[in-house]
Amino acid sequence: MVLRLALISIAGALLGGCMMGHDCGGNGMCGGGSGPAGGCRASSDCPNGEQCSTSNTCVSSQPPRACASDAQCRAGEYCDAATGACRPGTPCTVESDCAIGENCDPSRALCVPSSEPTCGELGSEAECASRSDCRPIYAGTECSCGADCTCEGGEPGCVCQSFEFFRCADV
C-alpha cells in the first residue's frame, strides 16, 4: 500500500496533476494553493511564509487568522463564517471554475463555500423554474428544416417535434 501511494505521488508530481481525489484549482494545482506550476515537493519550493502540504501545494505556514469578515483575511482567502477563521480560496473568474458546493464570488475572484447551489448546479426543470434568479433552457428533439438543411433547434425554419429541459442558466 505504501509503495502504491508513493508511485501515485511520484506520477502526480511528474505529470503536474492532482492526486488522490483532490480538485485542481484555477492554477492547475491540487487544492488551489500557490507556488510552482507543478506543485511542491518540499517547503523550499514555496514562497516565504508558506510550506509544502501533503497534497503537494504551498499553503500558509501561519495558523489560520481569526476573522469576522473577509476584510480581515489576506489576499486569496475568505472568512469562513462557520469557523471564524480565514481559509484559502480557489481563484475563479466564472462559476464553472468552482467545485460543487462552492460559488464564485466575483468581487473577490474566489470560490467560497455555499449552501445555495448555483443555477448551473440544479438538475431538474422544477428546481430551476422555482428560482427567480434562474431560467430553464430547453433543447429541441427530432428537429428538421427541409431536405437540404440541418438544424439543431432554434434556427429560422427549424421545426422540432418537442422540447425537453436541457440545463438551468442564470437570468
C-alpha atoms as a PDB file:
ATOM      1  CA  MET A   1       0.000   0.000   0.000  1.00  0.00           C
ATOM      2  CA  VAL A   2       2.822   2.445   0.876  1.00  0.00           C
ATOM      3  CA  LEU A   3       4.602   1.648  -2.401  1.00  0.00           C
ATOM      4  CA  ARG A   4       1.358   2.233  -4.336  1.00  0.00           C
ATOM      5  CA  LEU A   5       0.826   5.639  -2.666  1.00  0.00           C
ATOM      6  CA  ALA A   6       4.442   6.569  -3.366  1.00  0.00           C
ATOM      7  CA  LEU A   7       4.029   5.667  -7.042  1.00  0.00           C
ATOM      8  CA  ILE A   8       0.787   7.678  -7.244  1.00  0.00           C
ATOM      9  CA  SER A   9       2.542  10.655  -5.619  1.00  0.00           C
ATOM     10  CA  ILE A  10       5.520  10.426  -7.980  1.00  0.00           C
ATOM     11  CA  ALA A  11       3.267  10.069 -11.034  1.00  0.00           C
ATOM     12  CA  GLY A  12       1.162  13.035  -9.931  1.00  0.00           C
ATOM     13  CA  ALA A  13       4.236  15.176  -9.333  1.00  0.00           C
ATOM     14  CA  LEU A  14       5.743  14.273 -12.719  1.00  0.00           C
ATOM     15  CA  LEU A  15       2.504  14.942 -14.566  1.00  0.00           C
ATOM     16  CA  GLY A  16       1.739  18.081 -12.571  1.00  0.00           C
ATOM     17  CA  GLY A  17      -1.805  16.837 -12.000  1.00  0.00           C
ATOM     18  CA  CYS A  18      -3.974  16.378  -8.975  1.00  0.00           C
ATOM     19  CA  MET A  19      -3.793  13.243  -6.929  1.00  0.00           C
ATOM     20  CA  MET A  20      -5.851  11.153  -4.571  1.00  0.00           C
ATOM     21  CA  GLY A  21      -9.214  12.863  -5.041  1.00  0.00           C
ATOM     22  CA  HIS A  22      -8.014  16.490  -4.766  1.00  0.00           C
ATOM     23  CA  ASP A  23      -9.556  19.028  -7.155  1.00  0.00           C
ATOM     24  CA  CYS A  24      -7.289  21.235  -9.209  1.00  0.00           C
ATOM     25  CA  GLY A  25      -7.655  24.946  -8.718  1.00  0.00           C
ATOM     26  CA  GLY A  26      -7.507  27.565 -11.447  1.00  0.00           C
ATOM     27  CA  ASN A  27      -3.711  27.482 -11.280  1.00  0.00           C
ATOM     28  CA  GLY A  28      -3.588  23.731 -12.096  1.00  0.00           C
ATOM     29  CA  MET A  29      -2.568  22.735  -8.578  1.00  0.00           C
ATOM     30  CA  CYS A  30      -4.382  20.494  -6.161  1.00  0.00           C
ATOM     31  CA  GLY A  31      -6.462  22.368  -3.657  1.00  0.00           C
ATOM     32  CA  GLY A  32      -5.868  25.691  -5.378  1.00  0.00           C
ATOM     33  CA  GLY A  33      -2.724  26.548  -3.375  1.00  0.00           C
ATOM     34  CA  SER A  34       0.035  28.797  -4.620  1.00  0.00           C
ATOM     35  CA  GLY A  35       3.596  28.008  -5.532  1.00  0.00           C
ATOM     36  CA  PRO A  36       5.352  26.464  -8.516  1.00  0.00           C
ATOM     37  CA  ALA A  37       3.226  25.412 -11.520  1.00  0.00           C
ATOM     38  CA  GLY A  38       3.612  21.667 -10.914  1.00  0.00           C
ATOM     39  CA  GLY A  39       3.063  21.826  -7.162  1.00  0.00           C
ATOM     40  CA  CYS A  40       5.753  21.499  -4.499  1.00  0.00           C
ATOM     41  CA  ARG A  41       7.849  18.620  -3.281  1.00  0.00           C
ATOM     42  CA  ALA A  42       9.421  20.429  -0.311  1.00  0.00           C
ATOM     43  CA  SER A  43       8.771  23.651   1.593  1.00  0.00           C
ATOM     44  CA  SER A  44      11.844  25.159  -0.111  1.00  0.00           C
ATOM     45  CA  ASP A  45       9.761  25.102  -3.353  1.00  0.00           C
ATOM     46  CA  CYS A  46       7.262  27.542  -1.781  1.00  0.00           C
ATOM     47  CA  PRO A  47       7.361  31.333  -1.286  1.00  0.00           C
ATOM     48  CA  ASN A  48       8.342  32.740   2.129  1.00  0.00           C
ATOM     49  CA  GLY A  49       5.666  32.198   4.757  1.00  0.00           C
ATOM     50  CA  GLU A  50       4.353  29.042   3.056  1.00  0.00           C
ATOM     51  CA  GLN A  51       5.104  25.336   3.393  1.00  0.00           C
ATOM     52  CA  CYS A  52       4.522  22.292   1.195  1.00  0.00           C
ATOM     53  CA  SER A  53       1.426  20.344   2.273  1.00  0.00           C
ATOM     54  CA  THR A  54       0.796  16.603   1.979  1.00  0.00           C
ATOM     55  CA  SER A  55      -1.234  17.346  -1.178  1.00  0.00           C
ATOM     56  CA  ASN A  56       1.859  18.970  -2.764  1.00  0.00           C
ATOM     57  CA  THR A  57       0.529  22.532  -2.636  1.00  0.00           C
ATOM     58  CA  CYS A  58       2.046  25.572  -0.967  1.00  0.00           C
ATOM     59  CA  VAL A  59      -0.082  26.668   1.975  1.00  0.00           C
ATOM     60  CA  SER A  60       0.436  29.319   4.619  1.00  0.00           C
ATOM     61  CA  SER A  61       2.689  28.174   7.431  1.00  0.00           C
ATOM     62  CA  GLN A  62       0.879  30.600   9.733  1.00  0.00           C
ATOM     63  CA  PRO A  63      -2.110  29.367  11.759  1.00  0.00           C
ATOM     64  CA  PRO A  64      -5.455  30.489  10.294  1.00  0.00           C
ATOM     65  CA  ARG A  65      -6.252  34.084  11.209  1.00  0.00           C
ATOM     66  CA  ALA A  66      -9.392  34.731  13.250  1.00  0.00           C
ATOM     67  CA  CYS A  67     -11.909  36.825  11.338  1.00  0.00           C
ATOM     68  CA  ALA A  68     -15.397  38.228  11.355  1.00  0.00           C
ATOM     69  CA  SER A  69     -15.303  39.455   7.734  1.00  0.00           C
ATOM     70  CA  ASP A  70     -13.348  38.918   4.518  1.00  0.00           C
ATOM     71  CA  ALA A  71     -11.584  42.265   5.023  1.00  0.00           C
ATOM     72  CA  GLN A  72      -9.595  40.700   7.886  1.00  0.00           C
ATOM     73  CA  CYS A  73      -8.147  37.977   5.628  1.00  0.00           C
ATOM     74  CA  ARG A  74      -5.129  38.017   3.301  1.00  0.00           C
ATOM     75  CA  ALA A  75      -5.478  38.233  -0.473  1.00  0.00           C
ATOM     76  CA  GLY A  76      -6.683  34.867  -1.813  1.00  0.00           C
ATOM     77  CA  GLU A  77      -8.504  33.997   1.413  1.00  0.00           C
ATOM     78  CA  TYR A  78     -12.095  34.330   2.617  1.00  0.00           C
ATOM     79  CA  CYS A  79     -13.584  34.410   6.099  1.00  0.00           C
ATOM     80  CA  ASP A  80     -15.241  31.073   6.860  1.00  0.00           C
ATOM     81  CA  ALA A  81     -18.297  32.083   8.897  1.00  0.00           C
ATOM     82  CA  ALA A  82     -18.665  28.570  10.348  1.00  0.00           C
ATOM     83  CA  THR A  83     -15.189  28.564  11.937  1.00  0.00           C
ATOM     84  CA  GLY A  84     -14.448  32.292  12.222  1.00  0.00           C
ATOM     85  CA  ALA A  85     -11.093  31.725  10.503  1.00  0.00           C
ATOM     86  CA  CYS A  86      -9.530  32.802   7.210  1.00  0.00           C
ATOM     87  CA  ARG A  87      -9.307  29.961   4.671  1.00  0.00           C
ATOM     88  CA  PRO A  88      -7.595  29.829   1.266  1.00  0.00           C
ATOM     89  CA  GLY A  89      -9.980  30.050  -1.685  1.00  0.00           C
ATOM     90  CA  THR A  90      -9.640  28.721  -5.221  1.00  0.00           C
ATOM     91  CA  PRO A  91      -9.213  31.526  -7.785  1.00  0.00           C
ATOM     92  CA  CYS A  92     -12.164  31.879 -10.181  1.00  0.00           C
ATOM     93  CA  THR A  93     -13.479  34.084 -12.949  1.00  0.00           C
ATOM     94  CA  VAL A  94     -16.636  32.087 -13.746  1.00  0.00           C
ATOM     95  CA  GLU A  95     -18.847  29.711 -11.771  1.00  0.00           C
ATOM     96  CA  SER A  96     -17.534  26.642 -13.612  1.00  0.00           C
ATOM     97  CA  ASP A  97     -14.083  27.255 -12.029  1.00  0.00           C
ATOM     98  CA  CYS A  98     -15.563  26.215  -8.665  1.00  0.00           C
ATOM     99  CA  ALA A  99     -16.370  22.792  -7.270  1.00  0.00           C
ATOM    100  CA  ILE A 100     -19.931  21.787  -6.401  1.00  0.00           C
ATOM    101  CA  GLY A 101     -20.775  23.296  -3.021  1.00  0.00           C
ATOM    102  CA  GLU A 102     -18.797  26.443  -3.827  1.00  0.00           C
ATOM    103  CA  ASN A 103     -19.797  29.593  -5.679  1.00  0.00           C
ATOM    104  CA  CYS A 104     -17.561  32.092  -7.461  1.00  0.00           C
ATOM    105  CA  ASP A 105     -17.594  35.430  -5.670  1.00  0.00           C
ATOM    106  CA  PRO A 106     -16.716  37.860  -8.489  1.00  0.00           C
ATOM    107  CA  SER A 107     -15.853  40.715  -6.102  1.00  0.00           C
ATOM    108  CA  ARG A 108     -13.006  38.612  -4.668  1.00  0.00           C
ATOM    109  CA  ALA A 109     -12.445  36.299  -7.669  1.00  0.00           C
ATOM    110  CA  LEU A 110     -12.523  33.340  -5.238  1.00  0.00           C
ATOM    111  CA  CYS A 111     -14.566  30.168  -4.885  1.00  0.00           C
ATOM    112  CA  VAL A 112     -16.251  30.225  -1.482  1.00  0.00           C
ATOM    113  CA  PRO A 113     -18.409  27.586   0.230  1.00  0.00           C
ATOM    114  CA  SER A 114     -22.140  28.000  -0.279  1.00  0.00           C
ATOM    115  CA  SER A 115     -25.185  26.091   0.851  1.00  0.00           C
ATOM    116  CA  GLU A 116     -27.151  27.563  -2.076  1.00  0.00           C
ATOM    117  CA  PRO A 117     -26.492  25.781  -5.390  1.00  0.00           C
ATOM    118  CA  THR A 118     -25.934  27.931  -8.450  1.00  0.00           C
ATOM    119  CA  CYS A 119     -28.358  27.735 -11.371  1.00  0.00           C
ATOM    120  CA  GLY A 120     -25.906  25.562 -13.326  1.00  0.00           C
ATOM    121  CA  GLU A 121     -25.823  23.011 -10.488  1.00  0.00           C
ATOM    122  CA  LEU A 122     -29.596  22.478 -10.500  1.00  0.00           C
ATOM    123  CA  GLY A 123     -30.535  19.228 -12.189  1.00  0.00           C
ATOM    124  CA  SER A 124     -34.276  19.455 -12.708  1.00  0.00           C
ATOM    125  CA  GLU A 125     -36.676  21.757 -14.510  1.00  0.00           C
ATOM    126  CA  ALA A 126     -38.808  22.123 -11.354  1.00  0.00           C
ATOM    127  CA  GLU A 127     -35.830  23.251  -9.218  1.00  0.00           C
ATOM    128  CA  CYS A 128     -34.754  25.694 -11.921  1.00  0.00           C
ATOM    129  CA  ALA A 129     -38.217  27.169 -12.534  1.00  0.00           C
ATOM    130  CA  SER A 130     -38.794  27.679  -8.795  1.00  0.00           C
ATOM    131  CA  ARG A 131     -35.956  30.233  -8.538  1.00  0.00           C
ATOM    132  CA  SER A 132     -36.277  33.818  -9.758  1.00  0.00           C
ATOM    133  CA  ASP A 133     -32.536  34.066 -10.492  1.00  0.00           C
ATOM    134  CA  CYS A 134     -32.577  31.041 -12.832  1.00  0.00           C
ATOM    135  CA  ARG A 135     -34.209  30.173 -16.146  1.00  0.00           C
ATOM    136  CA  PRO A 136     -34.675  26.759 -17.765  1.00  0.00           C
ATOM    137  CA  ILE A 137     -33.041  26.157 -21.150  1.00  0.00           C
ATOM    138  CA  TYR A 138     -34.733  23.698 -23.492  1.00  0.00           C
ATOM    139  CA  ALA A 139     -33.361  21.643 -26.400  1.00  0.00           C
ATOM    140  CA  GLY A 140     -35.376  20.548 -29.402  1.00  0.00           C
ATOM    141  CA  THR A 141     -35.798  16.873 -30.243  1.00  0.00           C
ATOM    142  CA  GLU A 142     -36.335  15.405 -33.701  1.00  0.00           C
ATOM    143  CA  CYS A 143     -35.808  18.742 -35.468  1.00  0.00           C
ATOM    144  CA  SER A 144     -35.851  19.347 -39.226  1.00  0.00           C
ATOM    145  CA  CYS A 145     -35.870  22.245 -41.664  1.00  0.00           C
ATOM    146  CA  GLY A 146     -36.259  20.507 -45.003  1.00  0.00           C
ATOM    147  CA  ALA A 147     -34.291  18.191 -47.278  1.00  0.00           C
ATOM    148  CA  ASP A 148     -31.244  20.400 -47.872  1.00  0.00           C
ATOM    149  CA  CYS A 149     -30.551  21.803 -44.421  1.00  0.00           C
ATOM    150  CA  THR A 150     -29.518  20.724 -40.957  1.00  0.00           C
ATOM    151  CA  CYS A 151     -30.853  22.197 -37.770  1.00  0.00           C
ATOM    152  CA  GLU A 152     -30.400  21.551 -34.098  1.00  0.00           C
ATOM    153  CA  GLY A 153     -33.290  23.655 -32.839  1.00  0.00           C
ATOM    154  CA  GLY A 154     -33.915  27.357 -32.650  1.00  0.00           C
ATOM    155  CA  GLU A 155     -32.661  28.276 -36.129  1.00  0.00           C
ATOM    156  CA  PRO A 156     -35.065  30.066 -38.534  1.00  0.00           C
ATOM    157  CA  GLY A 157     -37.122  27.457 -40.391  1.00  0.00           C
ATOM    158  CA  CYS A 158     -36.214  24.711 -37.945  1.00  0.00           C
ATOM    159  CA  VAL A 159     -39.195  22.759 -36.649  1.00  0.00           C
ATOM    160  CA  CYS A 160     -38.866  20.429 -33.673  1.00  0.00           C
ATOM    161  CA  GLN A 161     -41.361  17.777 -32.632  1.00  0.00           C
ATOM    162  CA  SER A 162     -40.838  18.570 -28.951  1.00  0.00           C
ATOM    163  CA  PHE A 163     -38.578  20.317 -26.474  1.00  0.00           C
ATOM    164  CA  GLU A 164     -37.001  18.898 -23.301  1.00  0.00           C
ATOM    165  CA  PHE A 165     -35.321  20.507 -20.311  1.00  0.00           C
ATOM    166  CA  PHE A 166     -31.598  20.792 -21.147  1.00  0.00           C
ATOM    167  CA  ARG A 167     -29.996  22.825 -18.350  1.00  0.00           C
ATOM    168  CA  CYS A 168     -30.556  25.665 -15.928  1.00  0.00           C
ATOM    169  CA  ALA A 169     -28.929  29.072 -16.531  1.00  0.00           C
ATOM    170  CA  ASP A 170     -28.589  32.385 -14.712  1.00  0.00           C
ATOM    171  CA  VAL A 171     -31.200  35.030 -15.611  1.00  0.00           C
END
